[in-house]
């Protein structure tokens, strides 16, 4: 089963050197244990553009979909045999990056 782990941050504060070292170690463990699929950090909401072309209307809005104090700052896609393992890995990821995370199963 594949799962999506969203990293939730406030502001545009980058990870500290210690946090990056912990994230790298967590990523190494995911690879070692066969859970790694993909991971990436993403720019903050100030870089967002929302497109809505339903019905060919072509609406474009500069900025994020939701103006909230927290936003997604990165993500992992993991492979886990079950939800319990995914929950454990999400908890470990939160500890490693020192931020809240949100876990969701992926379709398919």
PDB file of N, CA and C in Angstrom:
ATOM      1  N   UNK A   1       0.839  -1.179   0.000  1.00  0.00           N
ATOM      2  CA  UNK A   1       0.000   0.000   0.000  1.00  0.00           C
ATOM      3  C   UNK A   1       0.880   1.237   0.000  1.00  0.00           C
ATOM      4  N   UNK A   2       0.454   2.222  -0.756  1.00  0.00           N
ATOM      5  CA  UNK A   2       1.207   3.473  -0.775  1.00  0.00           C
ATOM      6  C   UNK A   2       0.454   4.547  -0.003  1.00  0.00           C
ATOM      7  N   UNK A   3       1.237   5.404   0.638  1.00  0.00           N
ATOM      8  CA  UNK A   3       0.704   6.466   1.475  1.00  0.00           C
ATOM      9  C   UNK A   3       1.421   7.770   1.161  1.00  0.00           C
ATOM     10  N   UNK A   4       0.693   8.864   1.383  1.00  0.00           N
ATOM     11  CA  UNK A   4       1.196  10.219   1.206  1.00  0.00           C
ATOM     12  C   UNK A   4       1.340  10.825   2.597  1.00  0.00           C
ATOM     13  N   UNK A   5       2.514  11.355   2.901  1.00  0.00           N
ATOM     14  CA  UNK A   5       2.754  12.047   4.169  1.00  0.00           C
ATOM     15  C   UNK A   5       3.074  13.499   3.837  1.00  0.00           C
ATOM     16  N   UNK A   6       2.168  14.406   4.188  1.00  0.00           N
ATOM     17  CA  UNK A   6       2.370  15.839   3.952  1.00  0.00           C
ATOM     18  C   UNK A   6       3.037  16.454   5.176  1.00  0.00           C
ATOM     19  N   UNK A   7       4.064  17.253   4.935  1.00  0.00           N
ATOM     20  CA  UNK A   7       4.741  17.991   6.003  1.00  0.00           C
ATOM     21  C   UNK A   7       4.054  19.347   6.132  1.00  0.00           C
ATOM     22  N   UNK A   8       3.603  19.677   7.332  1.00  0.00           N
ATOM     23  CA  UNK A   8       2.852  20.901   7.585  1.00  0.00           C
ATOM     24  C   UNK A   8       3.746  21.897   8.324  1.00  0.00           C
ATOM     25  N   UNK A   9       3.852  23.111   7.778  1.00  0.00           N
ATOM     26  CA  UNK A   9       4.719  24.136   8.373  1.00  0.00           C
ATOM     27  C   UNK A   9       3.961  25.443   8.515  1.00  0.00           C
ATOM     28  N   UNK A  10       4.518  26.335   9.314  1.00  0.00           N
ATOM     29  CA  UNK A  10       4.041  27.711   9.435  1.00  0.00           C
ATOM     30  C   UNK A  10       5.119  28.604   8.841  1.00  0.00           C
ATOM     31  N   UNK A  11       4.709  29.597   8.091  1.00  0.00           N
ATOM     32  CA  UNK A  11       5.678  30.516   7.505  1.00  0.00           C
ATOM     33  C   UNK A  11       6.558  29.818   6.489  1.00  0.00           C
ATOM     34  N   UNK A  12       7.629  30.484   6.110  1.00  0.00           N
ATOM     35  CA  UNK A  12       8.557  29.939   5.116  1.00  0.00           C
ATOM     36  C   UNK A  12       9.895  29.546   5.737  1.00  0.00           C
ATOM     37  N   UNK A  13       9.871  29.214   7.027  1.00  0.00           N
ATOM     38  CA  UNK A  13      11.121  28.885   7.698  1.00  0.00           C
ATOM     39  C   UNK A  13      11.703  27.582   7.143  1.00  0.00           C
ATOM     40  N   UNK A  14      12.958  27.627   6.695  1.00  0.00           N
ATOM     41  CA  UNK A  14      13.582  26.393   6.211  1.00  0.00           C
ATOM     42  C   UNK A  14      13.970  25.493   7.381  1.00  0.00           C
ATOM     43  N   UNK A  15      14.198  24.242   7.075  1.00  0.00           N
ATOM     44  CA  UNK A  15      14.669  23.309   8.097  1.00  0.00           C
ATOM     45  C   UNK A  15      16.067  23.716   8.554  1.00  0.00           C
ATOM     46  N   UNK A  16      16.312  23.546   9.828  1.00  0.00           N
ATOM     47  CA  UNK A  16      17.649  23.837  10.368  1.00  0.00           C
ATOM     48  C   UNK A  16      18.617  22.737   9.936  1.00  0.00           C
ATOM     49  N   UNK A  17      19.891  22.945  10.180  1.00  0.00           N
ATOM     50  CA  UNK A  17      20.897  21.933   9.846  1.00  0.00           C
ATOM     51  C   UNK A  17      20.630  20.634  10.610  1.00  0.00           C
ATOM     52  N   UNK A  18      20.257  20.741  11.874  1.00  0.00           N
ATOM     53  CA  UNK A  18      19.954  19.543  12.665  1.00  0.00           C
ATOM     54  C   UNK A  18      18.720  18.823  12.126  1.00  0.00           C
ATOM     55  N   UNK A  19      17.696  19.603  11.740  1.00  0.00           N
ATOM     56  CA  UNK A  19      16.493  18.996  11.165  1.00  0.00           C
ATOM     57  C   UNK A  19      16.804  18.310   9.836  1.00  0.00           C
ATOM     58  N   UNK A  20      17.613  18.955   9.003  1.00  0.00           N
ATOM     59  CA  UNK A  20      17.984  18.339   7.722  1.00  0.00           C
ATOM     60  C   UNK A  20      18.754  17.040   7.938  1.00  0.00           C
ATOM     61  N   UNK A  21      19.628  17.014   8.930  1.00  0.00           N
ATOM     62  CA  UNK A  21      20.364  15.779   9.230  1.00  0.00           C
ATOM     63  C   UNK A  21      19.399  14.681   9.675  1.00  0.00           C
ATOM     64  N   UNK A  22      18.412  15.036  10.505  1.00  0.00           N
ATOM     65  CA  UNK A  22      17.420  14.052  10.965  1.00  0.00           C
ATOM     66  C   UNK A  22      16.542  13.582   9.804  1.00  0.00           C
ATOM     67  N   UNK A  23      16.168  14.485   8.905  1.00  0.00           N
ATOM     68  CA  UNK A  23      15.377  14.116   7.729  1.00  0.00           C
ATOM     69  C   UNK A  23      16.179  13.178   6.834  1.00  0.00           C
ATOM     70  N   UNK A  24      17.454  13.498   6.606  1.00  0.00           N
ATOM     71  CA  UNK A  24      18.308  12.626   5.796  1.00  0.00           C
ATOM     72  C   UNK A  24      18.411  11.230   6.404  1.00  0.00           C
ATOM     73  N   UNK A  25      18.565  11.150   7.720  1.00  0.00           N
ATOM     74  CA  UNK A  25      18.643   9.848   8.395  1.00  0.00           C
ATOM     75  C   UNK A  25      17.316   9.092   8.254  1.00  0.00           C
ATOM     76  N   UNK A  26      16.188   9.797   8.404  1.00  0.00           N
ATOM     77  CA  UNK A  26      14.875   9.173   8.223  1.00  0.00           C
ATOM     78  C   UNK A  26      14.738   8.646   6.799  1.00  0.00           C
ATOM     79  N   UNK A  27      15.117   9.469   5.814  1.00  0.00           N
ATOM     80  CA  UNK A  27      15.052   9.037   4.414  1.00  0.00           C
ATOM     81  C   UNK A  27      15.928   7.810   4.168  1.00  0.00           C
ATOM     82  N   UNK A  28      17.129   7.796   4.753  1.00  0.00           N
ATOM     83  CA  UNK A  28      18.009   6.632   4.614  1.00  0.00           C
ATOM     84  C   UNK A  28      17.344   5.380   5.174  1.00  0.00           C
ATOM     85  N   UNK A  29      16.655   5.520   6.312  1.00  0.00           N
ATOM     86  CA  UNK A  29      15.943   4.387   6.897  1.00  0.00           C
ATOM     87  C   UNK A  29      14.798   3.920   6.013  1.00  0.00           C
ATOM     88  N   UNK A  30      14.071   4.852   5.412  1.00  0.00           N
ATOM     89  CA  UNK A  30      12.998   4.471   4.480  1.00  0.00           C
ATOM     90  C   UNK A  30      13.566   3.665   3.317  1.00  0.00           C
ATOM     91  N   UNK A  31      14.687   4.127   2.775  1.00  0.00           N
ATOM     92  CA  UNK A  31      15.327   3.404   1.656  1.00  0.00           C
ATOM     93  C   UNK A  31      15.798   2.020   2.109  1.00  0.00           C
ATOM     94  N   UNK A  32      16.476   1.984   3.228  1.00  0.00           N
ATOM     95  CA  UNK A  32      17.033   0.726   3.743  1.00  0.00           C
ATOM     96  C   UNK A  32      15.941  -0.316   3.973  1.00  0.00           C
ATOM     97  N   UNK A  33      14.800   0.127   4.490  1.00  0.00           N
ATOM     98  CA  UNK A  33      13.735  -0.798   4.859  1.00  0.00           C
ATOM     99  C   UNK A  33      12.701  -1.022   3.752  1.00  0.00           C
ATOM    100  N   UNK A  34      12.950  -0.449   2.565  1.00  0.00           N
ATOM    101  CA  UNK A  34      12.075  -0.686   1.427  1.00  0.00           C
ATOM    102  C   UNK A  34      10.787   0.112   1.433  1.00  0.00           C
ATOM    103  N   UNK A  35      10.717   1.202   2.201  1.00  0.00           N
ATOM    104  CA  UNK A  35       9.508   2.023   2.255  1.00  0.00           C
ATOM    105  C   UNK A  35       9.575   3.249   1.342  1.00  0.00           C
ATOM    106  N   UNK A  36      10.761   3.576   0.862  1.00  0.00           N
ATOM    107  CA  UNK A  36      10.964   4.793   0.075  1.00  0.00           C
ATOM    108  C   UNK A  36      10.305   4.664  -1.294  1.00  0.00           C
ATOM    109  N   UNK A  37       9.520   5.671  -1.677  1.00  0.00           N
ATOM    110  CA  UNK A  37       9.046   5.821  -3.045  1.00  0.00           C
ATOM    111  C   UNK A  37       9.544   7.154  -3.585  1.00  0.00           C
ATOM    112  N   UNK A  38       9.225   8.246  -2.871  1.00  0.00           N
ATOM    113  CA  UNK A  38       9.614   9.572  -3.344  1.00  0.00           C
ATOM    114  C   UNK A  38       9.428  10.571  -2.212  1.00  0.00           C
ATOM    115  N   UNK A  39      10.198  11.649  -2.237  1.00  0.00           N
ATOM    116  CA  UNK A  39      10.020  12.745  -1.280  1.00  0.00           C
ATOM    117  C   UNK A  39      10.511  14.032  -1.915  1.00  0.00           C
ATOM    118  N   UNK A  40       9.923  15.144  -1.452  1.00  0.00           N
ATOM    119  CA  UNK A  40      10.321  16.422  -2.008  1.00  0.00           C
ATOM    120  C   UNK A  40       9.837  17.543  -1.091  1.00  0.00           C
ATOM    121  N   UNK A  41      10.639  18.581  -0.966  1.00  0.00           N
ATOM    122  CA  UNK A  41      10.188  19.811  -0.332  1.00  0.00           C
ATOM    123  C   UNK A  41       9.534  20.676  -1.401  1.00  0.00           C
ATOM    124  N   UNK A  42       8.631  21.551  -0.989  1.00  0.00           N
ATOM    125  CA  UNK A  42       7.994  22.449  -1.957  1.00  0.00           C
ATOM    126  C   UNK A  42       8.029  23.882  -1.429  1.00  0.00           C
ATOM    127  N   UNK A  43       8.002  24.828  -2.351  1.00  0.00           N
ATOM    128  CA  UNK A  43       8.018  26.235  -1.973  1.00  0.00           C
ATOM    129  C   UNK A  43       6.750  26.603  -1.214  1.00  0.00           C
ATOM    130  N   UNK A  44       6.803  27.684  -0.495  1.00  0.00           N
ATOM    131  CA  UNK A  44       5.679  28.153   0.306  1.00  0.00           C
ATOM    132  C   UNK A  44       4.542  28.691  -0.540  1.00  0.00           C
ATOM    133  N   UNK A  45       3.439  29.024   0.112  1.00  0.00           N
ATOM    134  CA  UNK A  45       2.235  29.453  -0.582  1.00  0.00           C
ATOM    135  C   UNK A  45       2.400  30.733  -1.407  1.00  0.00           C
ATOM    136  N   UNK A  46       3.396  31.540  -1.110  1.00  0.00           N
ATOM    137  CA  UNK A  46       3.591  32.759  -1.892  1.00  0.00           C
ATOM    138  C   UNK A  46       3.925  32.440  -3.348  1.00  0.00           C
ATOM    139  N   UNK A  47       4.342  31.210  -3.623  1.00  0.00           N
ATOM    140  CA  UNK A  47       4.682  30.781  -4.980  1.00  0.00           C
ATOM    141  C   UNK A  47       3.508  30.106  -5.694  1.00  0.00           C
ATOM    142  N   UNK A  48       2.345  30.023  -5.029  1.00  0.00           N
ATOM    143  CA  UNK A  48       1.201  29.287  -5.568  1.00  0.00           C
ATOM    144  C   UNK A  48       0.449  30.070  -6.638  1.00  0.00           C
ATOM    145  N   UNK A  49      -0.108  29.323  -7.584  1.00  0.00           N
ATOM    146  CA  UNK A  49      -1.044  29.841  -8.569  1.00  0.00           C
ATOM    147  C   UNK A  49      -2.145  28.797  -8.700  1.00  0.00           C
ATOM    148  N   UNK A  50      -3.404  29.210  -8.585  1.00  0.00           N
ATOM    149  CA  UNK A  50      -4.537  28.295  -8.683  1.00  0.00           C
ATOM    150  C   UNK A  50      -5.190  28.477 -10.058  1.00  0.00           C
ATOM    151  N   UNK A  51      -5.356  27.359 -10.766  1.00  0.00           N
ATOM    152  CA  UNK A  51      -5.990  27.360 -12.077  1.00  0.00           C
ATOM    153  C   UNK A  51      -7.329  26.645 -11.972  1.00  0.00           C
ATOM    154  N   UNK A  52      -8.365  27.234 -12.549  1.00  0.00           N
ATOM    155  CA  UNK A  52      -9.676  26.590 -12.623  1.00  0.00           C
ATOM    156  C   UNK A  52     -10.177  26.760 -14.054  1.00  0.00           C
ATOM    157  N   UNK A  53      -9.995  25.730 -14.849  1.00  0.00           N
ATOM    158  CA  UNK A  53     -10.396  25.785 -16.247  1.00  0.00           C
ATOM    159  C   UNK A  53     -11.608  24.899 -16.522  1.00  0.00           C
ATOM    160  N   UNK A  54     -12.370  24.615 -15.465  1.00  0.00           N
ATOM    161  CA  UNK A  54     -13.599  23.849 -15.674  1.00  0.00           C
ATOM    162  C   UNK A  54     -14.496  24.614 -16.627  1.00  0.00           C
ATOM    163  N   UNK A  55     -15.018  23.911 -17.601  1.00  0.00           N
ATOM    164  CA  UNK A  55     -15.896  24.544 -18.574  1.00  0.00           C
ATOM    165  C   UNK A  55     -15.185  25.527 -19.485  1.00  0.00           C
ATOM    166  N   UNK A  56     -13.854  25.496 -19.511  1.00  0.00           N
ATOM    167  CA  UNK A  56     -13.092  26.379 -20.377  1.00  0.00           C
ATOM    168  C   UNK A  56     -13.070  27.830 -19.932  1.00  0.00           C
ATOM    169  N   UNK A  57     -13.383  28.088 -18.658  1.00  0.00           N
ATOM    170  CA  UNK A  57     -13.464  29.464 -18.160  1.00  0.00           C
ATOM    171  C   UNK A  57     -12.100  30.133 -18.012  1.00  0.00           C
ATOM    172  N   UNK A  58     -11.072  29.358 -17.744  1.00  0.00           N
ATOM    173  CA  UNK A  58      -9.715  29.897 -17.678  1.00  0.00           C
ATOM    174  C   UNK A  58      -9.422  30.832 -16.523  1.00  0.00           C
ATOM    175  N   UNK A  59      -9.994  30.570 -15.347  1.00  0.00           N
ATOM    176  CA  UNK A  59      -9.719  31.410 -14.176  1.00  0.00           C
ATOM    177  C   UNK A  59      -8.335  31.085 -13.612  1.00  0.00           C
ATOM    178  N   UNK A  60      -7.569  32.128 -13.336  1.00  0.00           N
ATOM    179  CA  UNK A  60      -6.241  31.986 -12.746  1.00  0.00           C
ATOM    180  C   UNK A  60      -6.175  32.930 -11.552  1.00  0.00           C
ATOM    181  N   UNK A  61      -5.774  32.403 -10.393  1.00  0.00           N
ATOM    182  CA  UNK A  61      -5.657  33.198  -9.182  1.00  0.00           C
ATOM    183  C   UNK A  61      -4.236  33.076  -8.647  1.00  0.00           C
ATOM    184  N   UNK A  62      -3.551  34.195  -8.517  1.00  0.00           N
ATOM    185  CA  UNK A  62      -2.213  34.206  -7.925  1.00  0.00           C
ATOM    186  C   UNK A  62      -2.350  33.989  -6.429  1.00  0.00           C
ATOM    187  N   UNK A  63      -1.571  33.093  -5.879  1.00  0.00           N
ATOM    188  CA  UNK A  63      -1.612  32.821  -4.449  1.00  0.00           C
ATOM    189  C   UNK A  63      -2.237  31.468  -4.166  1.00  0.00           C
ATOM    190  N   UNK A  64      -2.258  31.092  -2.892  1.00  0.00           N
ATOM    191  CA  UNK A  64      -2.718  29.758  -2.508  1.00  0.00           C
ATOM    192  C   UNK A  64      -4.232  29.596  -2.581  1.00  0.00           C
ATOM    193  N   UNK A  65      -4.671  28.361  -2.654  1.00  0.00           N
ATOM    194  CA  UNK A  65      -6.093  28.038  -2.640  1.00  0.00           C
ATOM    195  C   UNK A  65      -6.736  28.494  -1.338  1.00  0.00           C
ATOM    196  N   UNK A  66      -6.046  28.243  -0.222  1.00  0.00           N
ATOM    197  CA  UNK A  66      -6.541  28.619   1.105  1.00  0.00           C
ATOM    198  C   UNK A  66      -5.508  29.510   1.782  1.00  0.00           C
ATOM    199  N   UNK A  67      -5.943  30.608   2.338  1.00  0.00           N
ATOM    200  CA  UNK A  67      -5.050  31.524   3.047  1.00  0.00           C
ATOM    201  C   UNK A  67      -5.080  31.156   4.527  1.00  0.00           C
ATOM    202  N   UNK A  68      -4.206  30.238   4.902  1.00  0.00           N
ATOM    203  CA  UNK A  68      -4.155  29.731   6.268  1.00  0.00           C
ATOM    204  C   UNK A  68      -2.754  29.936   6.841  1.00  0.00           C
ATOM    205  N   UNK A  69      -2.608  29.934   8.156  1.00  0.00           N
ATOM    206  CA  UNK A  69      -1.272  30.104   8.742  1.00  0.00           C
ATOM    207  C   UNK A  69      -0.362  28.896   8.514  1.00  0.00           C
ATOM    208  N   UNK A  70      -0.945  27.722   8.267  1.00  0.00           N
ATOM    209  CA  UNK A  70      -0.142  26.520   8.013  1.00  0.00           C
ATOM    210  C   UNK A  70      -0.313  26.107   6.553  1.00  0.00           C
ATOM    211  N   UNK A  71       0.722  25.468   6.026  1.00  0.00           N
ATOM    212  CA  UNK A  71       0.696  25.018   4.644  1.00  0.00           C
ATOM    213  C   UNK A  71       1.569  23.775   4.481  1.00  0.00           C
ATOM    214  N   UNK A  72       1.421  23.114   3.340  1.00  0.00           N
ATOM    215  CA  UNK A  72       2.250  21.948   3.050  1.00  0.00           C
ATOM    216  C   UNK A  72       3.624  22.432   2.587  1.00  0.00           C
ATOM    217  N   UNK A  73       4.664  21.940   3.247  1.00  0.00           N
ATOM    218  CA  UNK A  73       6.031  22.354   2.943  1.00  0.00           C
ATOM    219  C   UNK A  73       6.832  21.258   2.255  1.00  0.00           C
ATOM    220  N   UNK A  74       6.273  20.079   2.164  1.00  0.00           N
ATOM    221  CA  UNK A  74       6.956  18.959   1.529  1.00  0.00           C
ATOM    222  C   UNK A  74       6.128  17.707   1.712  1.00  0.00           C
ATOM    223  N   UNK A  75       6.640  16.610   1.193  1.00  0.00           N
ATOM    224  CA  UNK A  75       5.899  15.362   1.303  1.00  0.00           C
ATOM    225  C   UNK A  75       6.811  14.158   1.098  1.00  0.00           C
ATOM    226  N   UNK A  76       6.330  13.062   1.595  1.00  0.00           N
ATOM    227  CA  UNK A  76       6.902  11.748   1.310  1.00  0.00           C
ATOM    228  C   UNK A  76       5.806  10.901   0.677  1.00  0.00           C
ATOM    229  N   UNK A  77       6.170  10.053  -0.234  1.00  0.00           N
ATOM    230  CA  UNK A  77       5.305   8.965  -0.675  1.00  0.00           C
ATOM    231  C   UNK A  77       6.023   7.700  -0.245  1.00  0.00           C
ATOM    232  N   UNK A  78       5.336   6.895   0.543  1.00  0.00           N
ATOM    233  CA  UNK A  78       5.953   5.698   1.105  1.00  0.00           C
ATOM    234  C   UNK A  78       5.169   4.456   0.696  1.00  0.00           C
ATOM    235  N   UNK A  79       5.841   3.339   0.794  1.00  0.00           N
ATOM    236  CA  UNK A  79       5.219   2.037   0.576  1.00  0.00           C
ATOM    237  C   UNK A  79       5.262   1.307   1.913  1.00  0.00           C
ATOM    238  N   UNK A  80       4.111   0.897   2.399  1.00  0.00           N
ATOM    239  CA  UNK A  80       4.030   0.216   3.694  1.00  0.00           C
ATOM    240  C   UNK A  80       3.083  -0.971   3.561  1.00  0.00           C
ATOM    241  N   UNK A  81       3.331  -2.039   4.286  1.00  0.00           N
ATOM    242  CA  UNK A  81       2.477  -3.210   4.172  1.00  0.00           C
ATOM    243  C   UNK A  81       1.083  -3.020   4.745  1.00  0.00           C
ATOM    244  N   UNK A  82       0.932  -2.027   5.636  1.00  0.00           N
ATOM    245  CA  UNK A  82      -0.363  -1.813   6.279  1.00  0.00           C
ATOM    246  C   UNK A  82      -0.417  -0.414   6.885  1.00  0.00           C
ATOM    247  N   UNK A  83      -1.618  -0.028   7.309  1.00  0.00           N
ATOM    248  CA  UNK A  83      -1.820   1.305   7.872  1.00  0.00           C
ATOM    249  C   UNK A  83      -1.049   1.505   9.171  1.00  0.00           C
ATOM    250  N   UNK A  84      -0.918   0.460   9.958  1.00  0.00           N
ATOM    251  CA  UNK A  84      -0.184   0.577  11.223  1.00  0.00           C
ATOM    252  C   UNK A  84       1.272   0.972  10.976  1.00  0.00           C
ATOM    253  N   UNK A  85       1.903   0.336   9.996  1.00  0.00           N
ATOM    254  CA  UNK A  85       3.288   0.680   9.658  1.00  0.00           C
ATOM    255  C   UNK A  85       3.366   2.102   9.129  1.00  0.00           C
ATOM    256  N   UNK A  86       2.417   2.488   8.285  1.00  0.00           N
ATOM    257  CA  UNK A  86       2.397   3.849   7.741  1.00  0.00           C
ATOM    258  C   UNK A  86       2.248   4.877   8.858  1.00  0.00           C
ATOM    259  N   UNK A  87       1.408   4.583   9.835  1.00  0.00           N
ATOM    260  CA  UNK A  87       1.219   5.496  10.972  1.00  0.00           C
ATOM    261  C   UNK A  87       2.514   5.629  11.770  1.00  0.00           C
ATOM    262  N   UNK A  88       3.216   4.525  11.968  1.00  0.00           N
ATOM    263  CA  UNK A  88       4.493   4.568  12.687  1.00  0.00           C
ATOM    264  C   UNK A  88       5.494   5.420  11.917  1.00  0.00           C
ATOM    265  N   UNK A  89       5.573   5.217  10.594  1.00  0.00           N
ATOM    266  CA  UNK A  89       6.516   5.976   9.775  1.00  0.00           C
ATOM    267  C   UNK A  89       6.155   7.457   9.741  1.00  0.00           C
ATOM    268  N   UNK A  90       4.870   7.792   9.704  1.00  0.00           N
ATOM    269  CA  UNK A  90       4.458   9.198   9.744  1.00  0.00           C
ATOM    270  C   UNK A  90       4.888   9.844  11.059  1.00  0.00           C
ATOM    271  N   UNK A  91       4.729   9.115  12.156  1.00  0.00           N
ATOM    272  CA  UNK A  91       5.158   9.634  13.455  1.00  0.00           C
ATOM    273  C   UNK A  91       6.666   9.870  13.476  1.00  0.00           C
ATOM    274  N   UNK A  92       7.420   8.930  12.918  1.00  0.00           N
ATOM    275  CA  UNK A  92       8.875   9.077  12.845  1.00  0.00           C
ATOM    276  C   UNK A  92       9.264  10.247  11.935  1.00  0.00           C
ATOM    277  N   UNK A  93       8.528  10.439  10.840  1.00  0.00           N
ATOM    278  CA  UNK A  93       8.795  11.557   9.947  1.00  0.00           C
ATOM    279  C   UNK A  93       8.544  12.891  10.628  1.00  0.00           C
ATOM    280  N   UNK A  94       7.468  12.968  11.416  1.00  0.00           N
ATOM    281  CA  UNK A  94       7.168  14.190  12.170  1.00  0.00           C
ATOM    282  C   UNK A  94       8.298  14.517  13.134  1.00  0.00           C
ATOM    283  N   UNK A  95       8.789  13.505  13.806  1.00  0.00           N
ATOM    284  CA  UNK A  95       9.902  13.708  14.731  1.00  0.00           C
ATOM    285  C   UNK A  95      11.145  14.186  13.980  1.00  0.00           C
ATOM    286  N   UNK A  96      11.421  13.558  12.830  1.00  0.00           N
ATOM    287  CA  UNK A  96      12.623  13.893  12.068  1.00  0.00           C
ATOM    288  C   UNK A  96      12.586  15.333  11.553  1.00  0.00           C
ATOM    289  N   UNK A  97      11.457  15.762  11.004  1.00  0.00           N
ATOM    290  CA  UNK A  97      11.405  17.101  10.409  1.00  0.00           C
ATOM    291  C   UNK A  97      10.976  18.167  11.410  1.00  0.00           C
ATOM    292  N   UNK A  98      10.565  17.744  12.607  1.00  0.00           N
ATOM    293  CA  UNK A  98      10.155  18.661  13.678  1.00  0.00           C
ATOM    294  C   UNK A  98       8.959  19.518  13.253  1.00  0.00           C
ATOM    295  N   UNK A  99       8.027  18.869  12.534  1.00  0.00           N
ATOM    296  CA  UNK A  99       6.815  19.533  12.087  1.00  0.00           C
ATOM    297  C   UNK A  99       5.652  18.558  12.148  1.00  0.00           C
ATOM    298  N   UNK A 100       4.440  19.093  12.108  1.00  0.00           N
ATOM    299  CA  UNK A 100       3.277  18.221  11.994  1.00  0.00           C
ATOM    300  C   UNK A 100       3.294  17.569  10.625  1.00  0.00           C
ATOM    301  N   UNK A 101       2.717  16.378  10.539  1.00  0.00           N
ATOM    302  CA  UNK A 101       2.526  15.733   9.241  1.00  0.00           C
ATOM    303  C   UNK A 101       1.098  15.211   9.161  1.00  0.00           C
ATOM    304  N   UNK A 102       0.626  15.037   7.942  1.00  0.00           N
ATOM    305  CA  UNK A 102      -0.690  14.446   7.691  1.00  0.00           C
ATOM    306  C   UNK A 102      -0.499  13.209   6.826  1.00  0.00           C
ATOM    307  N   UNK A 103      -1.071  12.106   7.242  1.00  0.00           N
ATOM    308  CA  UNK A 103      -0.965  10.827   6.527  1.00  0.00           C
ATOM    309  C   UNK A 103      -2.266  10.537   5.794  1.00  0.00           C
ATOM    310  N   UNK A 104      -2.140  10.143   4.513  1.00  0.00           N
ATOM    311  CA  UNK A 104      -3.314   9.721   3.746  1.00  0.00           C
ATOM    312  C   UNK A 104      -2.938   8.535   2.871  1.00  0.00           C
ATOM    313  N   UNK A 105      -3.828   7.542   2.773  1.00  0.00           N
ATOM    314  CA  UNK A 105      -3.579   6.456   1.813  1.00  0.00           C
ATOM    315  C   UNK A 105      -3.797   6.977   0.397  1.00  0.00           C
ATOM    316  N   UNK A 106      -3.070   6.396  -0.547  1.00  0.00           N
ATOM    317  CA  UNK A 106      -3.223   6.740  -1.954  1.00  0.00           C
ATOM    318  C   UNK A 106      -4.138   5.723  -2.641  1.00  0.00           C
ATOM    319  N   UNK A 107      -4.888   6.162  -3.625  1.00  0.00           N
ATOM    320  CA  UNK A 107      -5.702   5.250  -4.433  1.00  0.00           C
ATOM    321  C   UNK A 107      -4.808   4.413  -5.330  1.00  0.00           C
ATOM    322  N   UNK A 108      -5.272   3.218  -5.630  1.00  0.00           N
ATOM    323  CA  UNK A 108      -4.601   2.406  -6.648  1.00  0.00           C
ATOM    324  C   UNK A 108      -3.521   1.536  -6.191  1.00  0.00           C
TER     325      UNK A 108
END
